[in-house]
Amino acid sequence: MLPGIPTYAYVGLSAVLFAMGVIGVLTRRNAITIFMSIELMLNSANLVFVAYARQYASMNGQVFVFFVMVVAAAEVAIGLALIVAIFRSKRSIDVDALRQLQG
């Protein structure tokens, strides 16, 4: 974190990034773009954790960021494996085309 930048600036940036991620999840139909938007939302949460950890001089925020990054890495590995498997069977990763998989 840069010295002299207030915490509310980081929180504002995080809110903008999170909103961009939500818009990406709700409007896009490509599964890879949806995963990228989810990662953007997770990184915006990480930014808030680090900003408040810096403000309160605590390491708890960095610990939470570590766990969020571990969960995000697992999500990407499993999600991309699912996308590859679906693409091999359906020849498309369009989310609307996958509605036929519903029970």
PDB file of N, CA and C in Angstrom:
ATOM      1  N   MET A   1       0.832  -1.173   0.000  1.00  0.00           N
ATOM      2  CA  MET A   1       0.000   0.000   0.000  1.00  0.00           C
ATOM      3  C   MET A   1       0.884   1.247   0.000  1.00  0.00           C
ATOM      4  N   LEU A   2       0.464   2.208  -0.749  1.00  0.00           N
ATOM      5  CA  LEU A   2       1.221   3.433  -0.840  1.00  0.00           C
ATOM      6  C   LEU A   2       0.941   4.323   0.358  1.00  0.00           C
ATOM      7  N   PRO A   3       1.994   4.932   0.907  1.00  0.00           N
ATOM      8  CA  PRO A   3       1.764   5.812   2.056  1.00  0.00           C
ATOM      9  C   PRO A   3       1.016   7.069   1.618  1.00  0.00           C
ATOM     10  N   GLY A   4       0.140   7.545   2.476  1.00  0.00           N
ATOM     11  CA  GLY A   4      -0.581   8.777   2.181  1.00  0.00           C
ATOM     12  C   GLY A   4      -1.911   8.575   1.491  1.00  0.00           C
ATOM     13  N   ILE A   5      -2.190   7.389   1.002  1.00  0.00           N
ATOM     14  CA  ILE A   5      -3.480   7.129   0.374  1.00  0.00           C
ATOM     15  C   ILE A   5      -4.427   6.634   1.453  1.00  0.00           C
ATOM     16  N   PRO A   6      -5.567   7.299   1.629  1.00  0.00           N
ATOM     17  CA  PRO A   6      -6.477   6.894   2.707  1.00  0.00           C
ATOM     18  C   PRO A   6      -7.165   5.566   2.405  1.00  0.00           C
ATOM     19  N   THR A   7      -7.639   4.945   3.460  1.00  0.00           N
ATOM     20  CA  THR A   7      -8.273   3.635   3.336  1.00  0.00           C
ATOM     21  C   THR A   7      -9.536   3.696   2.500  1.00  0.00           C
ATOM     22  N   TYR A   8     -10.275   4.805   2.598  1.00  0.00           N
ATOM     23  CA  TYR A   8     -11.521   4.879   1.832  1.00  0.00           C
ATOM     24  C   TYR A   8     -11.280   4.864   0.327  1.00  0.00           C
ATOM     25  N   ALA A   9     -10.101   5.267  -0.118  1.00  0.00           N
ATOM     26  CA  ALA A   9      -9.785   5.193  -1.542  1.00  0.00           C
ATOM     27  C   ALA A   9      -9.653   3.734  -1.990  1.00  0.00           C
ATOM     28  N   TYR A  10      -9.037   2.932  -1.144  1.00  0.00           N
ATOM     29  CA  TYR A  10      -8.926   1.500  -1.451  1.00  0.00           C
ATOM     30  C   TYR A  10     -10.290   0.817  -1.417  1.00  0.00           C
ATOM     31  N   VAL A  11     -11.110   1.211  -0.455  1.00  0.00           N
ATOM     32  CA  VAL A  11     -12.451   0.628  -0.360  1.00  0.00           C
ATOM     33  C   VAL A  11     -13.290   1.045  -1.562  1.00  0.00           C
ATOM     34  N   GLY A  12     -13.165   2.281  -2.001  1.00  0.00           N
ATOM     35  CA  GLY A  12     -13.883   2.741  -3.192  1.00  0.00           C
ATOM     36  C   GLY A  12     -13.445   2.001  -4.437  1.00  0.00           C
ATOM     37  N   LEU A  13     -12.135   1.823  -4.600  1.00  0.00           N
ATOM     38  CA  LEU A  13     -11.628   1.060  -5.734  1.00  0.00           C
ATOM     39  C   LEU A  13     -12.121  -0.377  -5.680  1.00  0.00           C
ATOM     40  N   SER A  14     -12.143  -0.943  -4.487  1.00  0.00           N
ATOM     41  CA  SER A  14     -12.627  -2.305  -4.332  1.00  0.00           C
ATOM     42  C   SER A  14     -14.104  -2.407  -4.700  1.00  0.00           C
ATOM     43  N   ALA A  15     -14.890  -1.416  -4.320  1.00  0.00           N
ATOM     44  CA  ALA A  15     -16.315  -1.421  -4.671  1.00  0.00           C
ATOM     45  C   ALA A  15     -16.513  -1.347  -6.178  1.00  0.00           C
ATOM     46  N   VAL A  16     -15.701  -0.539  -6.850  1.00  0.00           N
ATOM     47  CA  VAL A  16     -15.796  -0.443  -8.312  1.00  0.00           C
ATOM     48  C   VAL A  16     -15.416  -1.775  -8.962  1.00  0.00           C
ATOM     49  N   LEU A  17     -14.344  -2.385  -8.486  1.00  0.00           N
ATOM     50  CA  LEU A  17     -13.924  -3.682  -9.027  1.00  0.00           C
ATOM     51  C   LEU A  17     -14.977  -4.761  -8.781  1.00  0.00           C
ATOM     52  N   PHE A  18     -15.575  -4.740  -7.587  1.00  0.00           N
ATOM     53  CA  PHE A  18     -16.597  -5.730  -7.280  1.00  0.00           C
ATOM     54  C   PHE A  18     -17.825  -5.530  -8.166  1.00  0.00           C
ATOM     55  N   ALA A  19     -18.211  -4.279  -8.386  1.00  0.00           N
ATOM     56  CA  ALA A  19     -19.357  -3.999  -9.257  1.00  0.00           C
ATOM     57  C   ALA A  19     -19.073  -4.450 -10.689  1.00  0.00           C
ATOM     58  N   MET A  20     -17.846  -4.237 -11.160  1.00  0.00           N
ATOM     59  CA  MET A  20     -17.483  -4.708 -12.495  1.00  0.00           C
ATOM     60  C   MET A  20     -17.569  -6.226 -12.585  1.00  0.00           C
ATOM     61  N   GLY A  21     -17.168  -6.906 -11.523  1.00  0.00           N
ATOM     62  CA  GLY A  21     -17.264  -8.361 -11.492  1.00  0.00           C
ATOM     63  C   GLY A  21     -18.700  -8.841 -11.512  1.00  0.00           C
ATOM     64  N   VAL A  22     -19.558  -8.185 -10.738  1.00  0.00           N
ATOM     65  CA  VAL A  22     -20.969  -8.567 -10.716  1.00  0.00           C
ATOM     66  C   VAL A  22     -21.607  -8.340 -12.082  1.00  0.00           C
ATOM     67  N   ILE A  23     -21.307  -7.216 -12.692  1.00  0.00           N
ATOM     68  CA  ILE A  23     -21.844  -6.941 -14.030  1.00  0.00           C
ATOM     69  C   ILE A  23     -21.352  -7.983 -15.022  1.00  0.00           C
ATOM     70  N   GLY A  24     -20.091  -8.374 -14.909  1.00  0.00           N
ATOM     71  CA  GLY A  24     -19.548  -9.399 -15.802  1.00  0.00           C
ATOM     72  C   GLY A  24     -20.227 -10.742 -15.622  1.00  0.00           C
ATOM     73  N   VAL A  25     -20.514 -11.115 -14.388  1.00  0.00           N
ATOM     74  CA  VAL A  25     -21.187 -12.393 -14.138  1.00  0.00           C
ATOM     75  C   VAL A  25     -22.618 -12.363 -14.663  1.00  0.00           C
ATOM     76  N   LEU A  26     -23.301 -11.247 -14.481  1.00  0.00           N
ATOM     77  CA  LEU A  26     -24.708 -11.178 -14.860  1.00  0.00           C
ATOM     78  C   LEU A  26     -24.935 -10.976 -16.359  1.00  0.00           C
ATOM     79  N   THR A  27     -23.994 -10.371 -17.057  1.00  0.00           N
ATOM     80  CA  THR A  27     -24.241 -10.044 -18.461  1.00  0.00           C
ATOM     81  C   THR A  27     -23.536 -10.953 -19.454  1.00  0.00           C
ATOM     82  N   ARG A  28     -22.463 -11.576 -19.082  1.00  0.00           N
ATOM     83  CA  ARG A  28     -21.705 -12.398 -20.031  1.00  0.00           C
ATOM     84  C   ARG A  28     -22.251 -13.804 -20.086  1.00  0.00           C
ATOM     85  N   ARG A  29     -22.058 -14.462 -21.212  1.00  0.00           N
ATOM     86  CA  ARG A  29     -22.521 -15.833 -21.404  1.00  0.00           C
ATOM     87  C   ARG A  29     -21.377 -16.809 -21.604  1.00  0.00           C
ATOM     88  N   ASN A  30     -20.161 -16.316 -21.713  1.00  0.00           N
ATOM     89  CA  ASN A  30     -18.998 -17.174 -21.876  1.00  0.00           C
ATOM     90  C   ASN A  30     -18.534 -17.618 -20.492  1.00  0.00           C
ATOM     91  N   ALA A  31     -18.364 -18.923 -20.308  1.00  0.00           N
ATOM     92  CA  ALA A  31     -18.014 -19.448 -18.992  1.00  0.00           C
ATOM     93  C   ALA A  31     -16.654 -18.940 -18.508  1.00  0.00           C
ATOM     94  N   ILE A  32     -15.708 -18.784 -19.394  1.00  0.00           N
ATOM     95  CA  ILE A  32     -14.379 -18.306 -18.985  1.00  0.00           C
ATOM     96  C   ILE A  32     -14.463 -16.848 -18.536  1.00  0.00           C
ATOM     97  N   THR A  33     -15.256 -16.042 -19.219  1.00  0.00           N
ATOM     98  CA  THR A  33     -15.429 -14.650 -18.811  1.00  0.00           C
ATOM     99  C   THR A  33     -16.129 -14.562 -17.462  1.00  0.00           C
ATOM    100  N   ILE A  34     -17.065 -15.464 -17.211  1.00  0.00           N
ATOM    101  CA  ILE A  34     -17.739 -15.494 -15.914  1.00  0.00           C
ATOM    102  C   ILE A  34     -16.734 -15.841 -14.812  1.00  0.00           C
ATOM    103  N   PHE A  35     -15.859 -16.807 -15.066  1.00  0.00           N
ATOM    104  CA  PHE A  35     -14.835 -17.146 -14.071  1.00  0.00           C
ATOM    105  C   PHE A  35     -13.883 -15.979 -13.831  1.00  0.00           C
ATOM    106  N   MET A  36     -13.533 -15.258 -14.878  1.00  0.00           N
ATOM    107  CA  MET A  36     -12.669 -14.090 -14.701  1.00  0.00           C
ATOM    108  C   MET A  36     -13.371 -13.017 -13.876  1.00  0.00           C
ATOM    109  N   SER A  37     -14.669 -12.858 -14.052  1.00  0.00           N
ATOM    110  CA  SER A  37     -15.421 -11.879 -13.271  1.00  0.00           C
ATOM    111  C   SER A  37     -15.488 -12.289 -11.802  1.00  0.00           C
ATOM    112  N   ILE A  38     -15.636 -13.576 -11.545  1.00  0.00           N
ATOM    113  CA  ILE A  38     -15.631 -14.058 -10.162  1.00  0.00           C
ATOM    114  C   ILE A  38     -14.272 -13.806  -9.520  1.00  0.00           C
ATOM    115  N   GLU A  39     -13.211 -14.027 -10.274  1.00  0.00           N
ATOM    116  CA  GLU A  39     -11.865 -13.745  -9.751  1.00  0.00           C
ATOM    117  C   GLU A  39     -11.692 -12.257  -9.457  1.00  0.00           C
ATOM    118  N   LEU A  40     -12.286 -11.410 -10.279  1.00  0.00           N
ATOM    119  CA  LEU A  40     -12.225  -9.972 -10.038  1.00  0.00           C
ATOM    120  C   LEU A  40     -12.929  -9.621  -8.731  1.00  0.00           C
ATOM    121  N   MET A  41     -14.056 -10.259  -8.467  1.00  0.00           N
ATOM    122  CA  MET A  41     -14.761 -10.011  -7.208  1.00  0.00           C
ATOM    123  C   MET A  41     -13.944 -10.499  -6.013  1.00  0.00           C
ATOM    124  N   LEU A  42     -13.306 -11.652  -6.140  1.00  0.00           N
ATOM    125  CA  LEU A  42     -12.475 -12.153  -5.041  1.00  0.00           C
ATOM    126  C   LEU A  42     -11.281 -11.229  -4.791  1.00  0.00           C
ATOM    127  N   ASN A  43     -10.687 -10.716  -5.840  1.00  0.00           N
ATOM    128  CA  ASN A  43      -9.548  -9.809  -5.666  1.00  0.00           C
ATOM    129  C   ASN A  43      -9.975  -8.477  -5.069  1.00  0.00           C
ATOM    130  N   SER A  44     -11.194  -8.027  -5.363  1.00  0.00           N
ATOM    131  CA  SER A  44     -11.665  -6.790  -4.729  1.00  0.00           C
ATOM    132  C   SER A  44     -11.849  -6.999  -3.229  1.00  0.00           C
ATOM    133  N   ALA A  45     -12.311  -8.183  -2.836  1.00  0.00           N
ATOM    134  CA  ALA A  45     -12.417  -8.489  -1.407  1.00  0.00           C
ATOM    135  C   ALA A  45     -11.025  -8.537  -0.772  1.00  0.00           C
ATOM    136  N   ASN A  46     -10.057  -9.093  -1.491  1.00  0.00           N
ATOM    137  CA  ASN A  46      -8.675  -9.125  -0.986  1.00  0.00           C
ATOM    138  C   ASN A  46      -8.141  -7.722  -0.758  1.00  0.00           C
ATOM    139  N   LEU A  47      -8.465  -6.806  -1.657  1.00  0.00           N
ATOM    140  CA  LEU A  47      -8.000  -5.426  -1.522  1.00  0.00           C
ATOM    141  C   LEU A  47      -8.552  -4.793  -0.245  1.00  0.00           C
ATOM    142  N   VAL A  48      -9.808  -5.048   0.059  1.00  0.00           N
ATOM    143  CA  VAL A  48     -10.399  -4.510   1.290  1.00  0.00           C
ATOM    144  C   VAL A  48      -9.734  -5.116   2.516  1.00  0.00           C
ATOM    145  N   PHE A  49      -9.500  -6.434   2.495  1.00  0.00           N
ATOM    146  CA  PHE A  49      -8.833  -7.079   3.625  1.00  0.00           C
ATOM    147  C   PHE A  49      -7.457  -6.457   3.887  1.00  0.00           C
ATOM    148  N   VAL A  50      -6.695  -6.253   2.845  1.00  0.00           N
ATOM    149  CA  VAL A  50      -5.349  -5.698   3.009  1.00  0.00           C
ATOM    150  C   VAL A  50      -5.413  -4.232   3.441  1.00  0.00           C
ATOM    151  N   ALA A  51      -6.356  -3.484   2.901  1.00  0.00           N
ATOM    152  CA  ALA A  51      -6.467  -2.068   3.274  1.00  0.00           C
ATOM    153  C   ALA A  51      -6.798  -1.912   4.755  1.00  0.00           C
ATOM    154  N   TYR A  52      -7.753  -2.698   5.243  1.00  0.00           N
ATOM    155  CA  TYR A  52      -8.090  -2.590   6.662  1.00  0.00           C
ATOM    156  C   TYR A  52      -7.012  -3.193   7.552  1.00  0.00           C
ATOM    157  N   ALA A  53      -6.329  -4.207   7.076  1.00  0.00           N
ATOM    158  CA  ALA A  53      -5.212  -4.743   7.858  1.00  0.00           C
ATOM    159  C   ALA A  53      -4.118  -3.697   8.007  1.00  0.00           C
ATOM    160  N   ARG A  54      -3.890  -2.919   6.966  1.00  0.00           N
ATOM    161  CA  ARG A  54      -2.896  -1.854   7.040  1.00  0.00           C
ATOM    162  C   ARG A  54      -3.358  -0.758   7.982  1.00  0.00           C
ATOM    163  N   GLN A  55      -4.640  -0.404   7.902  1.00  0.00           N
ATOM    164  CA  GLN A  55      -5.159   0.670   8.750  1.00  0.00           C
ATOM    165  C   GLN A  55      -5.065   0.312  10.229  1.00  0.00           C
ATOM    166  N   TYR A  56      -5.384  -0.926  10.557  1.00  0.00           N
ATOM    167  CA  TYR A  56      -5.391  -1.338  11.957  1.00  0.00           C
ATOM    168  C   TYR A  56      -4.094  -2.021  12.384  1.00  0.00           C
ATOM    169  N   ALA A  57      -3.095  -2.050  11.528  1.00  0.00           N
ATOM    170  CA  ALA A  57      -1.787  -2.636  11.824  1.00  0.00           C
ATOM    171  C   ALA A  57      -1.920  -4.062  12.348  1.00  0.00           C
ATOM    172  N   SER A  58      -2.691  -4.862  11.621  1.00  0.00           N
ATOM    173  CA  SER A  58      -2.930  -6.244  12.009  1.00  0.00           C
ATOM    174  C   SER A  58      -2.606  -7.152  10.829  1.00  0.00           C
ATOM    175  N   MET A  59      -2.152  -8.344  11.130  1.00  0.00           N
ATOM    176  CA  MET A  59      -1.842  -9.308  10.076  1.00  0.00           C
ATOM    177  C   MET A  59      -3.044 -10.169   9.701  1.00  0.00           C
ATOM    178  N   ASN A  60      -4.163  -9.998  10.379  1.00  0.00           N
ATOM    179  CA  ASN A  60      -5.336 -10.824  10.109  1.00  0.00           C
ATOM    180  C   ASN A  60      -5.822 -10.683   8.670  1.00  0.00           C
ATOM    181  N   GLY A  61      -5.749  -9.486   8.126  1.00  0.00           N
ATOM    182  CA  GLY A  61      -6.188  -9.274   6.747  1.00  0.00           C
ATOM    183  C   GLY A  61      -5.356 -10.059   5.752  1.00  0.00           C
ATOM    184  N   GLN A  62      -4.037 -10.091   5.957  1.00  0.00           N
ATOM    185  CA  GLN A  62      -3.167 -10.855   5.067  1.00  0.00           C
ATOM    186  C   GLN A  62      -3.436 -12.346   5.176  1.00  0.00           C
ATOM    187  N   VAL A  63      -3.779 -12.815   6.365  1.00  0.00           N
ATOM    188  CA  VAL A  63      -4.101 -14.233   6.545  1.00  0.00           C
ATOM    189  C   VAL A  63      -5.374 -14.575   5.776  1.00  0.00           C
ATOM    190  N   PHE A  64      -6.392 -13.714   5.864  1.00  0.00           N
ATOM    191  CA  PHE A  64      -7.621 -13.936   5.110  1.00  0.00           C
ATOM    192  C   PHE A  64      -7.359 -13.924   3.612  1.00  0.00           C
ATOM    193  N   VAL A  65      -6.496 -13.010   3.164  1.00  0.00           N
ATOM    194  CA  VAL A  65      -6.151 -12.944   1.742  1.00  0.00           C
ATOM    195  C   VAL A  65      -5.498 -14.238   1.294  1.00  0.00           C
ATOM    196  N   PHE A  66      -4.636 -14.792   2.117  1.00  0.00           N
ATOM    197  CA  PHE A  66      -3.991 -16.062   1.775  1.00  0.00           C
ATOM    198  C   PHE A  66      -5.034 -17.157   1.574  1.00  0.00           C
ATOM    199  N   PHE A  67      -5.995 -17.236   2.474  1.00  0.00           N
ATOM    200  CA  PHE A  67      -7.024 -18.272   2.355  1.00  0.00           C
ATOM    201  C   PHE A  67      -7.928 -18.025   1.148  1.00  0.00           C
ATOM    202  N   VAL A  68      -8.249 -16.776   0.871  1.00  0.00           N
ATOM    203  CA  VAL A  68      -9.062 -16.461  -0.308  1.00  0.00           C
ATOM    204  C   VAL A  68      -8.309 -16.851  -1.576  1.00  0.00           C
ATOM    205  N   MET A  69      -7.009 -16.613  -1.614  1.00  0.00           N
ATOM    206  CA  MET A  69      -6.219 -16.983  -2.791  1.00  0.00           C
ATOM    207  C   MET A  69      -6.162 -18.498  -2.970  1.00  0.00           C
ATOM    208  N   VAL A  70      -6.095 -19.238  -1.872  1.00  0.00           N
ATOM    209  CA  VAL A  70      -6.099 -20.702  -1.958  1.00  0.00           C
ATOM    210  C   VAL A  70      -7.437 -21.196  -2.504  1.00  0.00           C
ATOM    211  N   VAL A  71      -8.522 -20.638  -2.006  1.00  0.00           N
ATOM    212  CA  VAL A  71      -9.846 -21.026  -2.495  1.00  0.00           C
ATOM    213  C   VAL A  71     -10.003 -20.646  -3.962  1.00  0.00           C
ATOM    214  N   ALA A  72      -9.508 -19.475  -4.353  1.00  0.00           N
ATOM    215  CA  ALA A  72      -9.603 -19.039  -5.746  1.00  0.00           C
ATOM    216  C   ALA A  72      -8.798 -19.950  -6.664  1.00  0.00           C
ATOM    217  N   ALA A  73      -7.641 -20.383  -6.216  1.00  0.00           N
ATOM    218  CA  ALA A  73      -6.835 -21.293  -7.039  1.00  0.00           C
ATOM    219  C   ALA A  73      -7.538 -22.629  -7.220  1.00  0.00           C
ATOM    220  N   ALA A  74      -8.138 -23.126  -6.155  1.00  0.00           N
ATOM    221  CA  ALA A  74      -8.884 -24.386  -6.263  1.00  0.00           C
ATOM    222  C   ALA A  74     -10.096 -24.216  -7.169  1.00  0.00           C
ATOM    223  N   GLU A  75     -10.769 -23.079  -7.062  1.00  0.00           N
ATOM    224  CA  GLU A  75     -11.928 -22.804  -7.921  1.00  0.00           C
ATOM    225  C   GLU A  75     -11.524 -22.766  -9.387  1.00  0.00           C
ATOM    226  N   VAL A  76     -10.421 -22.140  -9.676  1.00  0.00           N
ATOM    227  CA  VAL A  76      -9.965 -22.057 -11.062  1.00  0.00           C
ATOM    228  C   VAL A  76      -9.601 -23.437 -11.592  1.00  0.00           C
ATOM    229  N   ALA A  77      -8.912 -24.220 -10.807  1.00  0.00           N
ATOM    230  CA  ALA A  77      -8.517 -25.559 -11.264  1.00  0.00           C
ATOM    231  C   ALA A  77      -9.733 -26.432 -11.543  1.00  0.00           C
ATOM    232  N   ILE A  78     -10.680 -26.446 -10.634  1.00  0.00           N
ATOM    233  CA  ILE A  78     -11.872 -27.268 -10.826  1.00  0.00           C
ATOM    234  C   ILE A  78     -12.763 -26.679 -11.918  1.00  0.00           C
ATOM    235  N   GLY A  79     -12.925 -25.370 -11.905  1.00  0.00           N
ATOM    236  CA  GLY A  79     -13.773 -24.728 -12.912  1.00  0.00           C
ATOM    237  C   GLY A  79     -13.254 -24.915 -14.326  1.00  0.00           C
ATOM    238  N   LEU A  80     -11.967 -24.745 -14.523  1.00  0.00           N
ATOM    239  CA  LEU A  80     -11.422 -24.934 -15.865  1.00  0.00           C
ATOM    240  C   LEU A  80     -11.493 -26.388 -16.301  1.00  0.00           C
ATOM    241  N   ALA A  81     -11.336 -27.309 -15.368  1.00  0.00           N
ATOM    242  CA  ALA A  81     -11.492 -28.731 -15.723  1.00  0.00           C
ATOM    243  C   ALA A  81     -12.926 -29.014 -16.154  1.00  0.00           C
ATOM    244  N   LEU A  82     -13.896 -28.436 -15.462  1.00  0.00           N
ATOM    245  CA  LEU A  82     -15.290 -28.604 -15.865  1.00  0.00           C
ATOM    246  C   LEU A  82     -15.565 -27.975 -17.226  1.00  0.00           C
ATOM    247  N   ILE A  83     -15.003 -26.802 -17.464  1.00  0.00           N
ATOM    248  CA  ILE A  83     -15.207 -26.133 -18.751  1.00  0.00           C
ATOM    249  C   ILE A  83     -14.624 -26.966 -19.884  1.00  0.00           C
ATOM    250  N   VAL A  84     -13.441 -27.513 -19.693  1.00  0.00           N
ATOM    251  CA  VAL A  84     -12.831 -28.353 -20.728  1.00  0.00           C
ATOM    252  C   VAL A  84     -13.676 -29.600 -20.975  1.00  0.00           C
ATOM    253  N   ALA A  85     -14.167 -30.222 -19.907  1.00  0.00           N
ATOM    254  CA  ALA A  85     -15.000 -31.421 -20.069  1.00  0.00           C
ATOM    255  C   ALA A  85     -16.304 -31.095 -20.798  1.00  0.00           C
ATOM    256  N   ILE A  86     -16.919 -29.979 -20.458  1.00  0.00           N
ATOM    257  CA  ILE A  86     -18.162 -29.594 -21.133  1.00  0.00           C
ATOM    258  C   ILE A  86     -17.890 -29.232 -22.583  1.00  0.00           C
ATOM    259  N   PHE A  87     -16.780 -28.546 -22.850  1.00  0.00           N
ATOM    260  CA  PHE A  87     -16.463 -28.186 -24.225  1.00  0.00           C
ATOM    261  C   PHE A  87     -16.228 -29.430 -25.083  1.00  0.00           C
ATOM    262  N   ARG A  88     -15.589 -30.433 -24.501  1.00  0.00           N
ATOM    263  CA  ARG A  88     -15.336 -31.655 -25.267  1.00  0.00           C
ATOM    264  C   ARG A  88     -16.628 -32.373 -25.630  1.00  0.00           C
ATOM    265  N   SER A  89     -17.626 -32.293 -24.776  1.00  0.00           N
ATOM    266  CA  SER A  89     -18.870 -33.008 -25.069  1.00  0.00           C
ATOM    267  C   SER A  89     -19.863 -32.157 -25.861  1.00  0.00           C
ATOM    268  N   LYS A  90     -19.920 -30.855 -25.622  1.00  0.00           N
ATOM    269  CA  LYS A  90     -20.925 -29.992 -26.253  1.00  0.00           C
ATOM    270  C   LYS A  90     -20.369 -29.104 -27.357  1.00  0.00           C
ATOM    271  N   ARG A  91     -19.057 -28.966 -27.453  1.00  0.00           N
ATOM    272  CA  ARG A  91     -18.397 -28.092 -28.424  1.00  0.00           C
ATOM    273  C   ARG A  91     -18.780 -26.621 -28.255  1.00  0.00           C
ATOM    274  N   SER A  92     -19.130 -26.249 -27.038  1.00  0.00           N
ATOM    275  CA  SER A  92     -19.466 -24.861 -26.740  1.00  0.00           C
ATOM    276  C   SER A  92     -19.276 -24.627 -25.251  1.00  0.00           C
ATOM    277  N   ILE A  93     -18.886 -23.395 -24.898  1.00  0.00           N
ATOM    278  CA  ILE A  93     -18.815 -23.034 -23.491  1.00  0.00           C
ATOM    279  C   ILE A  93     -19.790 -21.899 -23.203  1.00  0.00           C
ATOM    280  N   ASP A  94     -20.774 -21.736 -24.074  1.00  0.00           N
ATOM    281  CA  ASP A  94     -21.806 -20.745 -23.877  1.00  0.00           C
ATOM    282  C   ASP A  94     -22.733 -21.222 -22.760  1.00  0.00           C
ATOM    283  N   VAL A  95     -22.953 -20.376 -21.773  1.00  0.00           N
ATOM    284  CA  VAL A  95     -23.726 -20.764 -20.612  1.00  0.00           C
ATOM    285  C   VAL A  95     -25.178 -21.052 -20.994  1.00  0.00           C
ATOM    286  N   ASP A  96     -25.731 -20.314 -21.942  1.00  0.00           N
ATOM    287  CA  ASP A  96     -27.112 -20.560 -22.357  1.00  0.00           C
ATOM    288  C   ASP A  96     -27.273 -21.915 -23.011  1.00  0.00           C
ATOM    289  N   ALA A  97     -26.244 -22.387 -23.691  1.00  0.00           N
ATOM    290  CA  ALA A  97     -26.323 -23.699 -24.335  1.00  0.00           C
ATOM    291  C   ALA A  97     -26.271 -24.827 -23.328  1.00  0.00           C
ATOM    292  N   LEU A  98     -25.844 -24.548 -22.119  1.00  0.00           N
ATOM    293  CA  LEU A  98     -25.733 -25.586 -21.097  1.00  0.00           C
ATOM    294  C   LEU A  98     -26.990 -25.747 -20.262  1.00  0.00           C
ATOM    295  N   ARG A  99     -28.028 -25.022 -20.582  1.00  0.00           N
ATOM    296  CA  ARG A  99     -29.272 -25.116 -19.808  1.00  0.00           C
ATOM    297  C   ARG A  99     -29.928 -26.479 -19.957  1.00  0.00           C
ATOM    298  N   GLN A 100     -29.607 -27.209 -20.989  1.00  0.00           N
ATOM    299  CA  GLN A 100     -30.186 -28.534 -21.164  1.00  0.00           C
ATOM    300  C   GLN A 100     -29.652 -29.535 -20.158  1.00  0.00           C
ATOM    301  N   LEU A 101     -28.604 -29.167 -19.414  1.00  0.00           N
ATOM    302  CA  LEU A 101     -28.048 -30.046 -18.396  1.00  0.00           C
ATOM    303  C   LEU A 101     -28.865 -30.022 -17.115  1.00  0.00           C
ATOM    304  N   GLN A 102     -29.817 -29.081 -17.013  1.00  0.00           N
ATOM    305  CA  GLN A 102     -30.637 -28.992 -15.807  1.00  0.00           C
ATOM    306  C   GLN A 102     -31.538 -30.217 -15.687  1.00  0.00           C
ATOM    307  N   GLY A 103     -31.726 -30.660 -14.447  1.00  0.00           N
ATOM    308  CA  GLY A 103     -32.496 -31.861 -14.172  1.00  0.00           C
ATOM    309  C   GLY A 103     -33.936 -31.669 -14.433  1.00  0.00           C
TER     310      GLY A 103
END
